[in-house]
Full PDB file with SEQRES, HELIX, SHEET, SSBOND, CRYST1, ORIGX, SCALE, CONECT and MASTER records, all heavy atoms in Angstrom:
SEQRES   1 A   39  GLN GLN THR ALA ILE ASP ASP SER ALA VAL HIS MET VAL          
SEQRES   2 A   39  TRP LEU ILE LYS LEU ASP PHE ASP ASP PRO VAL TYR LEU          
SEQRES   3 A   39  ASN THR SER THR TRP ASN LEU VAL TRP GLN ARG ARG TYR          
SHEET    1 AA1 2 GLN A   2  ILE A   5  0                                        
SHEET    2 AA1 2 MET A  12  LEU A  15 -1                                        
SHEET    1 AA2 2 VAL A  24  ASN A  27  0                                        
SHEET    2 AA2 2 ASN A  32  TRP A  35 -1                                        
CRYST1    1.000    1.000    1.000  90.00  90.00  90.00 P 1           1          
ORIGX1      1.000000  0.000000  0.000000        0.00000                         
ORIGX2      0.000000  1.000000  0.000000        0.00000                         
ORIGX3      0.000000  0.000000  1.000000        0.00000                         
SCALE1      1.000000  0.000000  0.000000        0.00000                         
SCALE2      0.000000  1.000000  0.000000        0.00000                         
SCALE3      0.000000  0.000000  1.000000        0.00000                         
ATOM      1  N   GLN A   1     -57.048 -77.643 -43.937  1.00  0.00           N  
ATOM      2  CA  GLN A   1     -57.250 -77.329 -45.348  1.00  0.00           C  
ATOM      3  C   GLN A   1     -58.420 -76.370 -45.503  1.00  0.00           C  
ATOM      4  O   GLN A   1     -59.528 -76.648 -45.114  1.00  0.00           O  
ATOM      5  CB  GLN A   1     -57.518 -78.628 -46.121  1.00  0.00           C  
ATOM      6  CG  GLN A   1     -57.426 -78.468 -47.626  1.00  0.00           C  
ATOM      7  CD  GLN A   1     -57.553 -79.811 -48.309  1.00  0.00           C  
ATOM      8  OE1 GLN A   1     -58.607 -80.416 -48.244  1.00  0.00           O  
ATOM      9  NE2 GLN A   1     -56.499 -80.262 -48.946  1.00  0.00           N  
ATOM     10  N   GLN A   2     -58.099 -75.192 -46.067  1.00  0.00           N  
ATOM     11  CA  GLN A   2     -59.123 -74.207 -46.338  1.00  0.00           C  
ATOM     12  C   GLN A   2     -58.819 -73.559 -47.674  1.00  0.00           C  
ATOM     13  O   GLN A   2     -57.742 -73.719 -48.229  1.00  0.00           O  
ATOM     14  CB  GLN A   2     -59.175 -73.139 -45.249  1.00  0.00           C  
ATOM     15  CG  GLN A   2     -59.543 -73.685 -43.878  1.00  0.00           C  
ATOM     16  CD  GLN A   2     -59.699 -72.576 -42.861  1.00  0.00           C  
ATOM     17  OE1 GLN A   2     -60.206 -71.519 -43.171  1.00  0.00           O  
ATOM     18  NE2 GLN A   2     -59.269 -72.830 -41.650  1.00  0.00           N  
ATOM     19  N   THR A   3     -59.777 -72.813 -48.192  1.00  0.00           N  
ATOM     20  CA  THR A   3     -59.538 -72.109 -49.446  1.00  0.00           C  
ATOM     21  C   THR A   3     -59.715 -70.622 -49.232  1.00  0.00           C  
ATOM     22  O   THR A   3     -60.409 -70.177 -48.334  1.00  0.00           O  
ATOM     23  CB  THR A   3     -60.511 -72.566 -50.550  1.00  0.00           C  
ATOM     24  OG1 THR A   3     -61.840 -72.308 -50.125  1.00  0.00           O  
ATOM     25  CG2 THR A   3     -60.341 -74.041 -50.857  1.00  0.00           C  
ATOM     26  N   ALA A   4     -59.025 -69.872 -50.109  1.00  0.00           N  
ATOM     27  CA  ALA A   4     -59.205 -68.430 -50.108  1.00  0.00           C  
ATOM     28  C   ALA A   4     -59.461 -68.011 -51.541  1.00  0.00           C  
ATOM     29  O   ALA A   4     -58.754 -68.424 -52.449  1.00  0.00           O  
ATOM     30  CB  ALA A   4     -57.966 -67.732 -49.569  1.00  0.00           C  
ATOM     31  N   ILE A   5     -60.489 -67.242 -51.745  1.00  0.00           N  
ATOM     32  CA  ILE A   5     -60.860 -66.833 -53.094  1.00  0.00           C  
ATOM     33  C   ILE A   5     -60.784 -65.314 -53.159  1.00  0.00           C  
ATOM     34  O   ILE A   5     -61.316 -64.614 -52.318  1.00  0.00           O  
ATOM     35  CB  ILE A   5     -62.280 -67.310 -53.441  1.00  0.00           C  
ATOM     36  CG1 ILE A   5     -62.367 -68.830 -53.290  1.00  0.00           C  
ATOM     37  CG2 ILE A   5     -62.659 -66.888 -54.848  1.00  0.00           C  
ATOM     38  CD1 ILE A   5     -63.757 -69.370 -53.509  1.00  0.00           C  
ATOM     39  N   ASP A   6     -60.112 -64.805 -54.229  1.00  0.00           N  
ATOM     40  CA  ASP A   6     -59.943 -63.357 -54.322  1.00  0.00           C  
ATOM     41  C   ASP A   6     -61.211 -62.717 -54.863  1.00  0.00           C  
ATOM     42  O   ASP A   6     -62.234 -63.365 -55.100  1.00  0.00           O  
ATOM     43  CB  ASP A   6     -58.722 -62.991 -55.158  1.00  0.00           C  
ATOM     44  CG  ASP A   6     -58.866 -63.392 -56.618  1.00  0.00           C  
ATOM     45  OD1 ASP A   6     -59.976 -63.770 -57.065  1.00  0.00           O  
ATOM     46  OD2 ASP A   6     -57.850 -63.326 -57.318  1.00  0.00           O  
ATOM     47  N   ASP A   7     -61.146 -61.406 -55.109  1.00  0.00           N  
ATOM     48  CA  ASP A   7     -62.342 -60.660 -55.466  1.00  0.00           C  
ATOM     49  C   ASP A   7     -62.898 -61.042 -56.829  1.00  0.00           C  
ATOM     50  O   ASP A   7     -64.059 -60.803 -57.125  1.00  0.00           O  
ATOM     51  CB  ASP A   7     -62.057 -59.161 -55.408  1.00  0.00           C  
ATOM     52  CG  ASP A   7     -60.916 -58.783 -56.321  1.00  0.00           C  
ATOM     53  OD1 ASP A   7     -59.814 -59.329 -56.121  1.00  0.00           O  
ATOM     54  OD2 ASP A   7     -61.123 -57.961 -57.217  1.00  0.00           O  
ATOM     55  N   SER A   8     -62.080 -61.669 -57.690  1.00  0.00           N  
ATOM     56  CA  SER A   8     -62.569 -62.083 -58.995  1.00  0.00           C  
ATOM     57  C   SER A   8     -63.278 -63.432 -58.931  1.00  0.00           C  
ATOM     58  O   SER A   8     -63.879 -63.861 -59.907  1.00  0.00           O  
ATOM     59  CB  SER A   8     -61.411 -62.192 -59.984  1.00  0.00           C  
ATOM     60  OG  SER A   8     -60.555 -63.252 -59.607  1.00  0.00           O  
ATOM     61  N   ALA A   9     -63.202 -64.092 -57.774  1.00  0.00           N  
ATOM     62  CA  ALA A   9     -63.813 -65.402 -57.561  1.00  0.00           C  
ATOM     63  C   ALA A   9     -63.262 -66.443 -58.525  1.00  0.00           C  
ATOM     64  O   ALA A   9     -63.907 -67.431 -58.828  1.00  0.00           O  
ATOM     65  CB  ALA A   9     -65.335 -65.313 -57.676  1.00  0.00           C  
ATOM     66  N   VAL A  10     -62.045 -66.211 -58.998  1.00  0.00           N  
ATOM     67  CA  VAL A  10     -61.425 -67.135 -59.938  1.00  0.00           C  
ATOM     68  C   VAL A  10     -60.223 -67.810 -59.310  1.00  0.00           C  
ATOM     69  O   VAL A  10     -60.048 -69.028 -59.401  1.00  0.00           O  
ATOM     70  CB  VAL A  10     -61.002 -66.413 -61.231  1.00  0.00           C  
ATOM     71  CG1 VAL A  10     -60.198 -67.350 -62.120  1.00  0.00           C  
ATOM     72  CG2 VAL A  10     -62.219 -65.892 -61.967  1.00  0.00           C  
ATOM     73  N   HIS A  11     -59.388 -67.031 -58.646  1.00  0.00           N  
ATOM     74  CA  HIS A  11     -58.139 -67.548 -58.113  1.00  0.00           C  
ATOM     75  C   HIS A  11     -58.389 -68.287 -56.803  1.00  0.00           C  
ATOM     76  O   HIS A  11     -58.965 -67.752 -55.876  1.00  0.00           O  
ATOM     77  CB  HIS A  11     -57.180 -66.389 -57.874  1.00  0.00           C  
ATOM     78  CG  HIS A  11     -55.879 -66.800 -57.267  1.00  0.00           C  
ATOM     79  ND1 HIS A  11     -55.027 -67.673 -57.865  1.00  0.00           N  
ATOM     80  CD2 HIS A  11     -55.303 -66.444 -56.098  1.00  0.00           C  
ATOM     81  CE1 HIS A  11     -53.964 -67.840 -57.114  1.00  0.00           C  
ATOM     82  NE2 HIS A  11     -54.113 -67.112 -56.024  1.00  0.00           N  
ATOM     83  N   MET A  12     -57.961 -69.530 -56.746  1.00  0.00           N  
ATOM     84  CA  MET A  12     -58.158 -70.322 -55.529  1.00  0.00           C  
ATOM     85  C   MET A  12     -56.826 -70.896 -55.081  1.00  0.00           C  
ATOM     86  O   MET A  12     -56.054 -71.397 -55.879  1.00  0.00           O  
ATOM     87  CB  MET A  12     -59.139 -71.459 -55.777  1.00  0.00           C  
ATOM     88  CG  MET A  12     -59.413 -72.313 -54.544  1.00  0.00           C  
ATOM     89  SD  MET A  12     -60.663 -73.576 -54.827  1.00  0.00           S  
ATOM     90  CE  MET A  12     -62.128 -72.563 -54.926  1.00  0.00           C  
ATOM     91  N   VAL A  13     -56.538 -70.797 -53.817  1.00  0.00           N  
ATOM     92  CA  VAL A  13     -55.314 -71.334 -53.243  1.00  0.00           C  
ATOM     93  C   VAL A  13     -55.684 -72.300 -52.133  1.00  0.00           C  
ATOM     94  O   VAL A  13     -56.420 -71.954 -51.215  1.00  0.00           O  
ATOM     95  CB  VAL A  13     -54.434 -70.208 -52.671  1.00  0.00           C  
ATOM     96  CG1 VAL A  13     -53.169 -70.790 -52.066  1.00  0.00           C  
ATOM     97  CG2 VAL A  13     -54.105 -69.193 -53.748  1.00  0.00           C  
ATOM     98  N   TRP A  14     -55.191 -73.523 -52.197  1.00  0.00           N  
ATOM     99  CA  TRP A  14     -55.399 -74.495 -51.128  1.00  0.00           C  
ATOM    100  C   TRP A  14     -54.333 -74.325 -50.074  1.00  0.00           C  
ATOM    101  O   TRP A  14     -53.173 -74.235 -50.383  1.00  0.00           O  
ATOM    102  CB  TRP A  14     -55.363 -75.910 -51.684  1.00  0.00           C  
ATOM    103  CG  TRP A  14     -56.612 -76.304 -52.387  1.00  0.00           C  
ATOM    104  CD1 TRP A  14     -56.840 -76.258 -53.722  1.00  0.00           C  
ATOM    105  CD2 TRP A  14     -57.823 -76.773 -51.790  1.00  0.00           C  
ATOM    106  NE1 TRP A  14     -58.105 -76.670 -54.003  1.00  0.00           N  
ATOM    107  CE2 TRP A  14     -58.735 -76.995 -52.842  1.00  0.00           C  
ATOM    108  CE3 TRP A  14     -58.227 -77.025 -50.468  1.00  0.00           C  
ATOM    109  CZ2 TRP A  14     -60.026 -77.462 -52.617  1.00  0.00           C  
ATOM    110  CZ3 TRP A  14     -59.509 -77.488 -50.257  1.00  0.00           C  
ATOM    111  CH2 TRP A  14     -60.401 -77.708 -51.319  1.00  0.00           C  
ATOM    112  N   LEU A  15     -54.742 -74.318 -48.861  1.00  0.00           N  
ATOM    113  CA  LEU A  15     -53.832 -74.166 -47.737  1.00  0.00           C  
ATOM    114  C   LEU A  15     -53.742 -75.493 -47.010  1.00  0.00           C  
ATOM    115  O   LEU A  15     -54.740 -76.000 -46.502  1.00  0.00           O  
ATOM    116  CB  LEU A  15     -54.349 -73.087 -46.782  1.00  0.00           C  
ATOM    117  CG  LEU A  15     -54.600 -71.735 -47.445  1.00  0.00           C  
ATOM    118  CD1 LEU A  15     -55.234 -70.805 -46.438  1.00  0.00           C  
ATOM    119  CD2 LEU A  15     -53.321 -71.175 -47.975  1.00  0.00           C  
ATOM    120  N   ILE A  16     -52.537 -76.062 -47.007  1.00  0.00           N  
ATOM    121  CA  ILE A  16     -52.346 -77.360 -46.382  1.00  0.00           C  
ATOM    122  C   ILE A  16     -51.362 -77.225 -45.224  1.00  0.00           C  
ATOM    123  O   ILE A  16     -50.202 -76.879 -45.426  1.00  0.00           O  
ATOM    124  CB  ILE A  16     -51.845 -78.385 -47.402  1.00  0.00           C  
ATOM    125  CG1 ILE A  16     -52.863 -78.514 -48.551  1.00  0.00           C  
ATOM    126  CG2 ILE A  16     -51.608 -79.739 -46.743  1.00  0.00           C  
ATOM    127  CD1 ILE A  16     -52.384 -79.389 -49.668  1.00  0.00           C  
ATOM    128  N   LYS A  17     -51.861 -77.481 -44.022  1.00  0.00           N  
ATOM    129  CA  LYS A  17     -51.030 -77.392 -42.825  1.00  0.00           C  
ATOM    130  C   LYS A  17     -50.230 -76.094 -42.806  1.00  0.00           C  
ATOM    131  O   LYS A  17     -49.006 -76.084 -42.737  1.00  0.00           O  
ATOM    132  CB  LYS A  17     -50.107 -78.614 -42.736  1.00  0.00           C  
ATOM    133  CG  LYS A  17     -50.875 -79.907 -42.499  1.00  0.00           C  
ATOM    134  CD  LYS A  17     -49.938 -81.053 -42.199  1.00  0.00           C  
ATOM    135  CE  LYS A  17     -50.708 -82.346 -42.034  1.00  0.00           C  
ATOM    136  NZ  LYS A  17     -51.702 -82.279 -40.953  1.00  0.00           N  
ATOM    137  N   LEU A  18     -50.946 -75.000 -42.887  1.00  0.00           N  
ATOM    138  CA  LEU A  18     -50.336 -73.682 -42.870  1.00  0.00           C  
ATOM    139  C   LEU A  18     -49.610 -73.452 -41.555  1.00  0.00           C  
ATOM    140  O   LEU A  18     -50.118 -73.776 -40.490  1.00  0.00           O  
ATOM    141  CB  LEU A  18     -51.419 -72.627 -43.038  1.00  0.00           C  
ATOM    142  CG  LEU A  18     -50.972 -71.197 -43.297  1.00  0.00           C  
ATOM    143  CD1 LEU A  18     -50.420 -71.097 -44.713  1.00  0.00           C  
ATOM    144  CD2 LEU A  18     -52.140 -70.253 -43.116  1.00  0.00           C  
ATOM    145  N   ASP A  19     -48.369 -72.911 -41.624  1.00  0.00           N  
ATOM    146  CA  ASP A  19     -47.663 -72.634 -40.383  1.00  0.00           C  
ATOM    147  C   ASP A  19     -47.555 -71.131 -40.157  1.00  0.00           C  
ATOM    148  O   ASP A  19     -48.009 -70.333 -40.963  1.00  0.00           O  
ATOM    149  CB  ASP A  19     -46.279 -73.313 -40.368  1.00  0.00           C  
ATOM    150  CG  ASP A  19     -45.383 -72.831 -41.492  1.00  0.00           C  
ATOM    151  OD1 ASP A  19     -45.453 -71.641 -41.848  1.00  0.00           O  
ATOM    152  OD2 ASP A  19     -44.618 -73.655 -42.002  1.00  0.00           O  
ATOM    153  N   PHE A  20     -46.900 -70.751 -39.086  1.00  0.00           N  
ATOM    154  CA  PHE A  20     -46.855 -69.351 -38.701  1.00  0.00           C  
ATOM    155  C   PHE A  20     -46.060 -68.505 -39.674  1.00  0.00           C  
ATOM    156  O   PHE A  20     -46.220 -67.297 -39.716  1.00  0.00           O  
ATOM    157  CB  PHE A  20     -46.244 -69.215 -37.300  1.00  0.00           C  
ATOM    158  CG  PHE A  20     -47.126 -69.741 -36.221  1.00  0.00           C  
ATOM    159  CD1 PHE A  20     -46.974 -71.028 -35.733  1.00  0.00           C  
ATOM    160  CD2 PHE A  20     -48.128 -68.954 -35.683  1.00  0.00           C  
ATOM    161  CE1 PHE A  20     -47.792 -71.515 -34.733  1.00  0.00           C  
ATOM    162  CE2 PHE A  20     -48.951 -69.426 -34.679  1.00  0.00           C  
ATOM    163  CZ  PHE A  20     -48.779 -70.721 -34.202  1.00  0.00           C  
ATOM    164  N   ASP A  21     -45.167 -69.121 -40.457  1.00  0.00           N  
ATOM    165  CA  ASP A  21     -44.277 -68.351 -41.311  1.00  0.00           C  
ATOM    166  C   ASP A  21     -44.825 -68.130 -42.707  1.00  0.00           C  
ATOM    167  O   ASP A  21     -44.187 -67.483 -43.518  1.00  0.00           O  
ATOM    168  CB  ASP A  21     -42.918 -69.054 -41.430  1.00  0.00           C  
ATOM    169  CG  ASP A  21     -42.203 -69.074 -40.100  1.00  0.00           C  
ATOM    170  OD1 ASP A  21     -42.150 -68.011 -39.477  1.00  0.00           O  
ATOM    171  OD2 ASP A  21     -41.719 -70.135 -39.690  1.00  0.00           O  
ATOM    172  N   ASP A  22     -45.980 -68.676 -43.030  1.00  0.00           N  
ATOM    173  CA  ASP A  22     -46.556 -68.422 -44.335  1.00  0.00           C  
ATOM    174  C   ASP A  22     -47.069 -66.988 -44.385  1.00  0.00           C  
ATOM    175  O   ASP A  22     -47.772 -66.540 -43.494  1.00  0.00           O  
ATOM    176  CB  ASP A  22     -47.715 -69.374 -44.623  1.00  0.00           C  
ATOM    177  CG  ASP A  22     -47.205 -70.763 -44.925  1.00  0.00           C  
ATOM    178  OD1 ASP A  22     -46.260 -70.882 -45.701  1.00  0.00           O  
ATOM    179  OD2 ASP A  22     -47.751 -71.705 -44.351  1.00  0.00           O  
ATOM    180  N   PRO A  23     -46.732 -66.247 -45.450  1.00  0.00           N  
ATOM    181  CA  PRO A  23     -47.126 -64.840 -45.505  1.00  0.00           C  
ATOM    182  C   PRO A  23     -48.597 -64.658 -45.871  1.00  0.00           C  
ATOM    183  O   PRO A  23     -49.244 -65.543 -46.408  1.00  0.00           O  
ATOM    184  CB  PRO A  23     -46.237 -64.287 -46.624  1.00  0.00           C  
ATOM    185  CG  PRO A  23     -45.994 -65.457 -47.506  1.00  0.00           C  
ATOM    186  CD  PRO A  23     -45.919 -66.649 -46.590  1.00  0.00           C  
ATOM    187  N   VAL A  24     -49.109 -63.492 -45.576  1.00  0.00           N  
ATOM    188  CA  VAL A  24     -50.459 -63.104 -45.949  1.00  0.00           C  
ATOM    189  C   VAL A  24     -50.353 -62.018 -47.012  1.00  0.00           C  
ATOM    190  O   VAL A  24     -49.566 -61.084 -46.891  1.00  0.00           O  
ATOM    191  CB  VAL A  24     -51.219 -62.540 -44.733  1.00  0.00           C  
ATOM    192  CG1 VAL A  24     -52.611 -62.112 -45.129  1.00  0.00           C  
ATOM    193  CG2 VAL A  24     -51.262 -63.553 -43.618  1.00  0.00           C  
ATOM    194  N   TYR A  25     -51.157 -62.125 -48.050  1.00  0.00           N  
ATOM    195  CA  TYR A  25     -51.200 -61.090 -49.070  1.00  0.00           C  
ATOM    196  C   TYR A  25     -52.442 -60.241 -48.871  1.00  0.00           C  
ATOM    197  O   TYR A  25     -53.524 -60.760 -48.624  1.00  0.00           O  
ATOM    198  CB  TYR A  25     -51.240 -61.715 -50.471  1.00  0.00           C  
ATOM    199  CG  TYR A  25     -49.947 -62.373 -50.836  1.00  0.00           C  
ATOM    200  CD1 TYR A  25     -49.749 -63.724 -50.563  1.00  0.00           C  
ATOM    201  CD2 TYR A  25     -48.919 -61.645 -51.395  1.00  0.00           C  
ATOM    202  CE1 TYR A  25     -48.560 -64.322 -50.877  1.00  0.00           C  
ATOM    203  CE2 TYR A  25     -47.719 -62.242 -51.702  1.00  0.00           C  
ATOM    204  CZ  TYR A  25     -47.550 -63.578 -51.445  1.00  0.00           C  
ATOM    205  OH  TYR A  25     -46.366 -64.181 -51.742  1.00  0.00           O  
ATOM    206  N   LEU A  26     -52.313 -58.953 -49.028  1.00  0.00           N  
ATOM    207  CA  LEU A  26     -53.438 -58.055 -48.883  1.00  0.00           C  
ATOM    208  C   LEU A  26     -53.773 -57.483 -50.247  1.00  0.00           C  
ATOM    209  O   LEU A  26     -52.963 -56.789 -50.864  1.00  0.00           O  
ATOM    210  CB  LEU A  26     -53.088 -56.925 -47.914  1.00  0.00           C  
ATOM    211  CG  LEU A  26     -54.223 -55.956 -47.597  1.00  0.00           C  
ATOM    212  CD1 LEU A  26     -55.354 -56.715 -46.901  1.00  0.00           C  
ATOM    213  CD2 LEU A  26     -53.729 -54.825 -46.717  1.00  0.00           C  
ATOM    214  N   ASN A  27     -54.956 -57.811 -50.755  1.00  0.00           N  
ATOM    215  CA  ASN A  27     -55.426 -57.238 -52.003  1.00  0.00           C  
ATOM    216  C   ASN A  27     -55.913 -55.825 -51.707  1.00  0.00           C  
ATOM    217  O   ASN A  27     -56.992 -55.615 -51.174  1.00  0.00           O  
ATOM    218  CB  ASN A  27     -56.562 -58.103 -52.564  1.00  0.00           C  
ATOM    219  CG  ASN A  27     -57.036 -57.612 -53.913  1.00  0.00           C  
ATOM    220  OD1 ASN A  27     -57.000 -56.431 -54.199  1.00  0.00           O  
ATOM    221  ND2 ASN A  27     -57.500 -58.550 -54.738  1.00  0.00           N  
ATOM    222  N   THR A  28     -55.089 -54.843 -52.044  1.00  0.00           N  
ATOM    223  CA  THR A  28     -55.375 -53.468 -51.614  1.00  0.00           C  
ATOM    224  C   THR A  28     -56.564 -52.867 -52.333  1.00  0.00           C  
ATOM    225  O   THR A  28     -57.116 -51.870 -51.881  1.00  0.00           O  
ATOM    226  CB  THR A  28     -54.142 -52.581 -51.834  1.00  0.00           C  
ATOM    227  OG1 THR A  28     -53.730 -52.684 -53.197  1.00  0.00           O  
ATOM    228  CG2 THR A  28     -52.991 -53.024 -50.942  1.00  0.00           C  
ATOM    229  N   SER A  29     -56.985 -53.460 -53.452  1.00  0.00           N  
ATOM    230  CA  SER A  29     -58.130 -52.903 -54.159  1.00  0.00           C  
ATOM    231  C   SER A  29     -59.441 -53.193 -53.434  1.00  0.00           C  
ATOM    232  O   SER A  29     -60.397 -52.443 -53.543  1.00  0.00           O  
ATOM    233  CB  SER A  29     -58.198 -53.446 -55.587  1.00  0.00           C  
ATOM    234  OG  SER A  29     -58.392 -54.850 -55.565  1.00  0.00           O  
ATOM    235  N   THR A  30     -59.480 -54.302 -52.706  1.00  0.00           N  
ATOM    236  CA  THR A  30     -60.714 -54.664 -52.015  1.00  0.00           C  
ATOM    237  C   THR A  30     -60.495 -54.917 -50.534  1.00  0.00           C  
ATOM    238  O   THR A  30     -61.436 -55.189 -49.813  1.00  0.00           O  
ATOM    239  CB  THR A  30     -61.320 -55.931 -52.635  1.00  0.00           C  
ATOM    240  OG1 THR A  30     -60.371 -56.985 -52.517  1.00  0.00           O  
ATOM    241  CG2 THR A  30     -61.666 -55.733 -54.106  1.00  0.00           C  
ATOM    242  N   TRP A  31     -59.234 -54.839 -50.096  1.00  0.00           N  
ATOM    243  CA  TRP A  31     -58.876 -55.109 -48.708  1.00  0.00           C  
ATOM    244  C   TRP A  31     -59.294 -56.513 -48.282  1.00  0.00           C  
ATOM    245  O   TRP A  31     -59.646 -56.755 -47.143  1.00  0.00           O  
ATOM    246  CB  TRP A  31     -59.482 -54.061 -47.759  1.00  0.00           C  
ATOM    247  CG  TRP A  31     -59.052 -52.690 -48.103  1.00  0.00           C  
ATOM    248  CD1 TRP A  31     -59.765 -51.733 -48.726  1.00  0.00           C  
ATOM    249  CD2 TRP A  31     -57.762 -52.110 -47.871  1.00  0.00           C  
ATOM    250  NE1 TRP A  31     -59.025 -50.595 -48.915  1.00  0.00           N  
ATOM    251  CE2 TRP A  31     -57.787 -50.795 -48.390  1.00  0.00           C  
ATOM    252  CE3 TRP A  31     -56.577 -52.581 -47.283  1.00  0.00           C  
ATOM    253  CZ2 TRP A  31     -56.693 -49.948 -48.341  1.00  0.00           C  
ATOM    254  CZ3 TRP A  31     -55.485 -51.730 -47.232  1.00  0.00           C  
ATOM    255  CH2 TRP A  31     -55.561 -50.431 -47.753  1.00  0.00           C  
ATOM    256  N   ASN A  32     -59.213 -57.438 -49.222  1.00  0.00           N  
ATOM    257  CA  ASN A  32     -59.467 -58.840 -48.898  1.00  0.00           C  
ATOM    258  C   ASN A  32     -58.151 -59.549 -48.650  1.00  0.00           C  
ATOM    259  O   ASN A  32     -57.167 -59.315 -49.335  1.00  0.00           O  
ATOM    260  CB  ASN A  32     -60.181 -59.546 -50.065  1.00  0.00           C  
ATOM    261  CG  ASN A  32     -61.605 -59.059 -50.235  1.00  0.00           C  
ATOM    262  OD1 ASN A  32     -62.254 -58.714 -49.258  1.00  0.00           O  
ATOM    263  ND2 ASN A  32     -62.083 -59.047 -51.468  1.00  0.00           N  
ATOM    264  N   LEU A  33     -58.143 -60.427 -47.668  1.00  0.00           N  
ATOM    265  CA  LEU A  33     -56.944 -61.213 -47.395  1.00  0.00           C  
ATOM    266  C   LEU A  33     -56.899 -62.422 -48.306  1.00  0.00           C  
ATOM    267  O   LEU A  33     -57.881 -63.146 -48.437  1.00  0.00           O  
ATOM    268  CB  LEU A  33     -56.929 -61.671 -45.937  1.00  0.00           C  
ATOM    269  CG  LEU A  33     -56.666 -60.578 -44.900  1.00  0.00           C  
ATOM    270  CD1 LEU A  33     -56.786 -61.171 -43.503  1.00  0.00           C  
ATOM    271  CD2 LEU A  33     -55.293 -59.970 -45.098  1.00  0.00           C  
ATOM    272  N   VAL A  34     -55.739 -62.617 -48.935  1.00  0.00           N  
ATOM    273  CA  VAL A  34     -55.549 -63.776 -49.790  1.00  0.00           C  
ATOM    274  C   VAL A  34     -54.322 -64.519 -49.298  1.00  0.00           C  
ATOM    275  O   VAL A  34     -53.234 -63.971 -49.251  1.00  0.00           O  
ATOM    276  CB  VAL A  34     -55.352 -63.355 -51.275  1.00  0.00           C  
ATOM    277  CG1 VAL A  34     -55.121 -64.588 -52.134  1.00  0.00           C  
ATOM    278  CG2 VAL A  34     -56.558 -62.579 -51.768  1.00  0.00           C  
ATOM    279  N   TRP A  35     -54.496 -65.788 -48.945  1.00  0.00           N  
ATOM    280  CA  TRP A  35     -53.382 -66.595 -48.453  1.00  0.00           C  
ATOM    281  C   TRP A  35     -52.772 -67.371 -49.601  1.00  0.00           C  
ATOM    282  O   TRP A  35     -53.462 -67.863 -50.460  1.00  0.00           O  
ATOM    283  CB  TRP A  35     -53.877 -67.585 -47.402  1.00  0.00           C  
ATOM    284  CG  TRP A  35     -54.348 -66.949 -46.150  1.00  0.00           C  
ATOM    285  CD1 TRP A  35     -55.558 -66.384 -45.909  1.00  0.00           C  
ATOM    286  CD2 TRP A  35     -53.615 -66.826 -44.931  1.00  0.00           C  
ATOM    287  NE1 TRP A  35     -55.629 -65.913 -44.631  1.00  0.00           N  
ATOM    288  CE2 TRP A  35     -54.448 -66.180 -44.007  1.00  0.00           C  
ATOM    289  CE3 TRP A  35     -52.325 -67.213 -44.542  1.00  0.00           C  
ATOM    290  CZ2 TRP A  35     -54.050 -65.898 -42.717  1.00  0.00           C  
ATOM    291  CZ3 TRP A  35     -51.927 -66.943 -43.255  1.00  0.00           C  
ATOM    292  CH2 TRP A  35     -52.786 -66.289 -42.358  1.00  0.00           C  
ATOM    293  N   GLN A  36     -51.469 -67.506 -49.600  1.00  0.00           N  
ATOM    294  CA  GLN A  36     -50.796 -68.284 -50.628  1.00  0.00           C  
ATOM    295  C   GLN A  36     -49.651 -69.075 -50.017  1.00  0.00           C  
ATOM    296  O   GLN A  36     -48.825 -68.524 -49.316  1.00  0.00           O  
ATOM    297  CB  GLN A  36     -50.252 -67.368 -51.739  1.00  0.00           C  
ATOM    298  CG  GLN A  36     -49.544 -68.129 -52.851  1.00  0.00           C  
ATOM    299  CD  GLN A  36     -49.115 -67.207 -53.960  1.00  0.00           C  
ATOM    300  OE1 GLN A  36     -49.741 -66.184 -54.196  1.00  0.00           O  
ATOM    301  NE2 GLN A  36     -48.052 -67.552 -54.623  1.00  0.00           N  
ATOM    302  N   ARG A  37     -49.591 -70.376 -50.321  1.00  0.00           N  
ATOM    303  CA  ARG A  37     -48.497 -71.216 -49.845  1.00  0.00           C  
ATOM    304  C   ARG A  37     -47.262 -70.929 -50.686  1.00  0.00           C  
ATOM    305  O   ARG A  37     -47.329 -70.891 -51.910  1.00  0.00           O  
ATOM    306  CB  ARG A  37     -48.903 -72.684 -49.979  1.00  0.00           C  
ATOM    307  CG  ARG A  37     -47.853 -73.662 -49.472  1.00  0.00           C  
ATOM    308  CD  ARG A  37     -47.777 -73.653 -47.974  1.00  0.00           C  
ATOM    309  NE  ARG A  37     -46.846 -74.654 -47.503  1.00  0.00           N  
ATOM    310  CZ  ARG A  37     -46.528 -74.818 -46.234  1.00  0.00           C  
ATOM    311  NH1 ARG A  37     -47.058 -74.038 -45.324  1.00  0.00           N  
ATOM    312  NH2 ARG A  37     -45.679 -75.749 -45.859  1.00  0.00           N  
ATOM    313  N   ARG A  38     -46.114 -70.717 -50.072  1.00  0.00           N  
ATOM    314  CA  ARG A  38     -44.880 -70.421 -50.784  1.00  0.00           C  
ATOM    315  C   ARG A  38     -44.024 -71.669 -50.890  1.00  0.00           C  
ATOM    316  O   ARG A  38     -44.172 -72.613 -50.141  1.00  0.00           O  
ATOM    317  CB  ARG A  38     -44.106 -69.312 -50.054  1.00  0.00           C  
ATOM    318  CG  ARG A  38     -44.902 -68.044 -49.805  1.00  0.00           C  
ATOM    319  CD  ARG A  38     -45.438 -67.416 -51.075  1.00  0.00           C  
ATOM    320  NE  ARG A  38     -44.406 -66.828 -51.881  1.00  0.00           N  
ATOM    321  CZ  ARG A  38     -43.962 -65.580 -51.727  1.00  0.00           C  
ATOM    322  NH1 ARG A  38     -44.455 -64.824 -50.782  1.00  0.00           N  
ATOM    323  NH2 ARG A  38     -43.012 -65.101 -52.513  1.00  0.00           N  
ATOM    324  N   TYR A  39     -43.115 -71.664 -51.860  1.00  0.00           N  
ATOM    325  CA  TYR A  39     -42.245 -72.810 -52.071  1.00  0.00           C  
ATOM    326  C   TYR A  39     -40.972 -72.351 -52.756  1.00  0.00           C  
ATOM    327  O   TYR A  39     -40.896 -71.251 -53.301  1.00  0.00           O  
ATOM    328  CB  TYR A  39     -42.952 -73.875 -52.912  1.00  0.00           C  
ATOM    329  CG  TYR A  39     -43.565 -73.337 -54.192  1.00  0.00           C  
ATOM    330  CD1 TYR A  39     -42.849 -73.346 -55.382  1.00  0.00           C  
ATOM    331  CD2 TYR A  39     -44.859 -72.825 -54.211  1.00  0.00           C  
ATOM    332  CE1 TYR A  39     -43.395 -72.854 -56.548  1.00  0.00           C  
ATOM    333  CE2 TYR A  39     -45.409 -72.324 -55.372  1.00  0.00           C  
ATOM    334  CZ  TYR A  39     -44.678 -72.349 -56.546  1.00  0.00           C  
ATOM    335  OH  TYR A  39     -45.225 -71.846 -57.699  1.00  0.00           O  
TER     336      TYR A  39                                                      
MASTER        0    0    0    0    4    0    0    6  335    1    0    3          
END                                                                             
């Protein structure tokens, strides 16, 4: 379990038992990696 916070420091996504198939999002405005669990 980890968190990822975007450049606005507002959006938070909890990562629970992330596997290899979960995608990575790239915030192109700041080149920060933001992880999001899909469903």
